[in-house]
Protein backbone atom coordinates (compact mmCIF):
# COMPACT_ATOMS: atom_id res chain seq x y z
CA UNK A 1 93.45 -13.05 66.51
CA UNK A 2 91.43 -9.51 66.25
CA UNK A 3 89.09 -8.54 63.96
CA UNK A 4 88.43 -5.78 61.71
CA UNK A 5 85.93 -4.05 61.87
CA UNK A 6 83.64 -6.33 63.63
CA UNK A 7 79.83 -6.06 63.29
CA UNK A 8 78.21 -4.64 66.39
CA UNK A 9 75.40 -8.31 66.55
CA UNK A 10 78.95 -9.71 66.24
CA UNK A 11 80.69 -8.02 69.18
CA UNK A 12 77.77 -8.55 71.24
CA UNK A 13 77.69 -12.79 70.53
CA UNK A 14 81.25 -12.31 71.16
CA UNK A 15 80.47 -11.30 74.80
CA UNK A 16 77.14 -13.07 75.22
CA UNK A 17 78.68 -16.38 74.63
CA UNK A 18 82.09 -15.20 76.83
CA UNK A 19 79.27 -14.10 80.14
CA UNK A 20 77.01 -16.88 79.18
CA UNK A 21 80.28 -19.77 79.23
CA UNK A 22 81.77 -18.16 82.76
CA UNK A 23 78.66 -18.06 84.32
CA UNK A 24 77.74 -21.27 83.19
CA UNK A 25 81.38 -22.22 84.00
CA UNK A 26 80.51 -20.87 88.05
CA UNK A 27 76.62 -22.04 88.02
CA UNK A 28 77.79 -25.86 88.11
CA UNK A 29 81.36 -25.67 90.03
CA UNK A 30 78.35 -23.69 92.62
CA UNK A 31 76.00 -26.88 91.84
CA UNK A 32 79.37 -29.36 92.65
CA UNK A 33 80.03 -27.58 95.46
CA UNK A 34 76.79 -27.63 97.02
CA UNK A 35 76.93 -31.20 97.04
CA UNK A 36 80.39 -32.42 96.26
CA UNK A 37 79.93 -35.68 97.53
CA UNK A 38 77.12 -36.62 95.31
CA UNK A 39 77.21 -38.13 92.01
CA UNK A 40 74.00 -36.03 90.85
CA UNK A 41 75.38 -32.82 91.56
CA UNK A 42 78.32 -33.68 89.52
CA UNK A 43 75.67 -34.68 87.04
CA UNK A 44 73.83 -31.80 87.49
CA UNK A 45 77.03 -29.53 86.85
CA UNK A 46 78.43 -31.28 84.15
CA UNK A 47 74.81 -31.03 82.15
CA UNK A 48 74.39 -27.12 83.26
CA UNK A 49 78.41 -26.44 81.79
CA UNK A 50 78.06 -28.65 78.89
CA UNK A 51 74.61 -26.78 78.34
CA UNK A 52 75.79 -23.25 78.85
CA UNK A 53 79.33 -24.06 76.94
CA UNK A 54 77.28 -25.46 73.58
CA UNK A 55 75.20 -22.83 73.86
CA UNK A 56 78.31 -20.20 73.71
CA UNK A 57 79.73 -22.19 71.28
CA UNK A 58 76.61 -21.59 68.85
CA UNK A 59 76.33 -17.76 70.29
CA UNK A 60 79.92 -17.16 69.23
CA UNK A 61 79.03 -19.82 65.63
CA UNK A 62 76.47 -17.24 65.27
CA UNK A 63 78.37 -14.46 65.32
CA UNK A 64 81.63 -15.26 63.12
CA UNK A 65 78.60 -16.81 61.22
CA UNK A 66 77.77 -12.99 61.14
CA UNK A 67 81.08 -11.38 60.90
CA UNK A 68 81.87 -13.98 57.80
CA UNK A 69 78.19 -12.68 56.07
CA UNK A 70 79.01 -9.48 56.67
CA UNK A 71 83.28 -9.62 55.73
CA UNK A 72 82.15 -11.14 52.12
CA UNK A 73 79.60 -8.59 51.80
CA UNK A 74 82.17 -5.89 52.41
CA UNK A 75 84.22 -7.00 50.06
CA UNK A 76 82.16 -7.76 47.48
CA UNK A 77 81.22 -4.12 48.10
CA UNK A 78 84.54 -2.95 47.78
CA UNK A 79 85.17 -5.32 45.13
CA UNK A 80 81.99 -3.64 43.16
CA UNK A 81 83.10 -0.01 44.13
CA UNK A 82 86.39 -0.81 42.08
CA UNK A 83 84.92 -3.12 39.37
CA UNK A 84 82.38 0.14 39.03
CA UNK A 85 84.89 2.46 39.13
CA UNK A 86 87.09 0.40 36.62
CA UNK A 87 83.78 0.43 34.09
CA UNK A 88 83.68 4.32 34.75
CA UNK A 89 86.52 4.81 33.99
CA UNK A 90 86.52 2.33 30.58
CA UNK A 91 83.27 3.87 30.32
CA UNK A 92 84.89 7.65 29.76
CA UNK A 93 87.56 6.24 28.03
CA UNK A 94 84.95 4.24 26.06
CA UNK A 95 83.06 7.61 25.42
CA UNK A 96 86.29 9.55 24.77
CA UNK A 97 87.05 6.87 21.93
CA UNK A 98 83.53 7.50 20.06
CA UNK A 99 84.10 11.05 20.64
CA UNK A 100 86.65 11.02 18.61
CA UNK A 101 85.57 8.04 16.30
CA UNK A 102 81.98 10.51 16.01
CA UNK A 103 84.34 13.12 14.74
CA UNK A 104 86.27 11.05 12.16
CA UNK A 105 82.85 9.41 10.92
CA UNK A 106 82.39 13.35 10.36
CA UNK A 107 85.25 13.70 8.55
CA UNK A 108 85.04 11.00 6.49
CA UNK A 109 81.39 12.26 5.75
CA UNK A 110 82.30 15.61 5.30
CA UNK A 111 85.29 13.78 2.91
CA UNK A 112 82.57 11.36 1.18
CA UNK A 113 80.10 13.96 0.50
CA UNK A 114 82.94 16.31 -1.17
CA UNK A 115 84.36 13.37 -3.20
CA UNK A 116 80.63 13.06 -4.83
CA UNK A 117 80.40 16.42 -5.53
CA UNK A 118 83.59 16.07 -7.41
CA UNK A 119 82.15 12.70 -9.12
CA UNK A 120 78.65 14.90 -9.65
CA UNK A 121 81.17 17.80 -11.31
CA UNK A 122 83.45 15.42 -13.47
CA UNK A 123 80.01 13.69 -14.73
CA UNK A 124 78.84 16.81 -15.75
CA UNK A 125 82.37 17.97 -17.42
CA UNK A 126 82.43 14.48 -19.01
CA UNK A 127 78.59 15.09 -20.15
CA UNK A 128 80.56 18.35 -21.84
CA UNK A 129 82.64 16.62 -22.82
CA UNK A 130 80.65 14.16 -24.75
CA UNK A 131 78.66 16.64 -26.49
CA UNK A 132 81.41 19.06 -27.36
CA UNK A 133 83.06 15.26 -29.47
CA UNK A 134 79.69 14.48 -30.31
CA UNK A 135 79.48 18.37 -32.51
CA UNK A 136 82.54 18.14 -33.16
CA UNK A 137 82.71 15.14 -35.04
CA UNK A 138 79.13 16.15 -36.32
CA UNK A 139 81.36 19.10 -37.83
CA UNK A 140 84.63 16.37 -39.16
CA UNK A 141 81.44 14.67 -40.53
CA UNK A 142 80.57 17.68 -42.31
CA UNK A 143 83.87 18.69 -43.21
CA UNK A 144 85.13 15.30 -44.26
CA UNK A 145 82.25 15.64 -47.05
CA UNK A 146 82.81 18.68 -47.83
CA UNK A 147 86.73 17.26 -48.23
CA UNK A 148 85.44 14.44 -50.18
CA UNK A 149 83.01 16.91 -52.44
CA UNK A 150 85.88 18.91 -53.04
CA UNK A 151 88.27 16.04 -54.46
CA UNK A 152 85.80 14.91 -56.82
CA UNK A 153 85.52 18.40 -58.01
CA UNK A 154 89.20 17.61 -58.43
CA UNK A 155 88.76 14.67 -59.60
CA UNK A 156 86.06 15.94 -62.17
CA UNK A 157 88.65 18.88 -63.28
CA UNK A 158 91.82 16.99 -63.50
CA UNK A 159 89.82 14.69 -65.41
CA UNK A 160 88.74 17.49 -67.55
CA UNK A 161 92.38 18.88 -67.65
CA UNK A 162 93.10 15.10 -68.78
CA UNK A 163 90.91 15.61 -71.58
CA UNK A 164 91.10 18.78 -72.40
CA UNK A 165 94.71 18.44 -72.52
CA UNK A 166 94.31 15.86 -75.14
CA UNK A 167 92.10 17.73 -77.35
CA UNK A 168 94.81 20.85 -77.16
CA UNK A 169 97.30 17.61 -78.48
CA UNK A 170 95.60 16.59 -80.96
CA UNK A 171 94.87 20.44 -81.51
CA UNK A 172 98.52 20.85 -81.43
CA UNK A 173 98.80 17.99 -84.08
CA UNK A 174 96.19 19.52 -86.17
CA UNK A 175 97.62 22.77 -86.92
CA UNK A 176 101.51 21.07 -86.97
CA UNK A 177 99.91 19.40 -89.86
CA UNK A 178 98.60 21.89 -91.25
CA UNK A 179 101.77 24.20 -90.97
CA UNK A 180 103.63 21.22 -92.53
CA UNK A 181 100.59 21.51 -95.01
CA UNK A 182 101.07 25.43 -95.84
CA UNK A 183 105.24 25.07 -96.07
CA UNK A 184 104.34 22.24 -98.66
CA UNK A 185 101.45 24.33 -100.35
CA UNK A 186 103.97 26.85 -100.64
CA UNK A 187 107.16 25.07 -101.68
CA UNK A 188 104.52 23.97 -104.34
CA UNK A 189 104.08 27.90 -105.13
CA UNK A 190 106.95 28.38 -105.14
CA UNK A 191 107.64 25.69 -108.17
CA UNK A 192 104.44 27.20 -109.64
CA UNK A 193 105.50 30.72 -109.66
CA UNK A 194 109.25 29.65 -110.79
CA UNK A 195 107.20 27.96 -113.62
CA UNK A 196 105.34 30.82 -114.09
CA UNK A 197 108.45 33.21 -114.64
CA UNK A 198 109.95 30.80 -116.56
CA UNK A 199 107.07 30.69 -118.95
CA UNK A 200 106.88 34.21 -119.06
CA UNK A 201 110.36 34.37 -119.65
CA UNK A 202 109.60 31.75 -122.45
CA UNK A 203 106.92 33.57 -123.76
CA UNK A 204 108.56 36.65 -124.20
CA UNK A 205 111.40 35.34 -125.68
CA UNK A 206 109.71 34.13 -128.33
CA UNK A 207 108.00 37.31 -128.74
CA UNK A 208 111.54 38.88 -129.40
CA UNK A 209 112.38 36.49 -131.81
CA UNK A 210 108.97 37.66 -133.37
CA UNK A 211 109.57 41.01 -133.23
CA UNK A 212 113.49 40.58 -134.61
CA UNK A 213 112.21 38.65 -137.75
CA UNK A 214 109.63 41.42 -138.55
């Protein structure tokens, strides 16, 4: 299986491992072939091939480890780039939201300031109303005092008129009594006049009678 984006050192170690392995096998076979019938030759050749294979395996393992580290670094880098891109996108969106929130806050502050100004105007208006109300209460109190004074004067006038009406009634009674007395006296005078006329007539008759005797 081929790897994508292999590191140069990984490629070098991979090639080196193959070269060493092939070279070791050839060297081991030569050693065995030189003394084919000797056990020592077989042991030397096997030892050389084993050592070479171990070295090749170690080189290949180091290359794989380096490639794994490189792949993990690339993966983390790509993840960090994606995360940074997402963070930048989210940051831009957050900045946009913050700007919108800032505008809303400014509008809210403006509205609050307007409400404060309206509240101050309302307090001034209420103070003016209270002042006018106090003045009106004073005027009403003064007017009530004047009305009470007029009521007292009216009561005194009514009382005086009541007394005057009583005096007039008494005067009318006195006048009626005087008129009755005058009428009575007039009747008495009429009777007196009649009596006087009767007396005069009597004396005249006597005088005439005396003259007749003479």
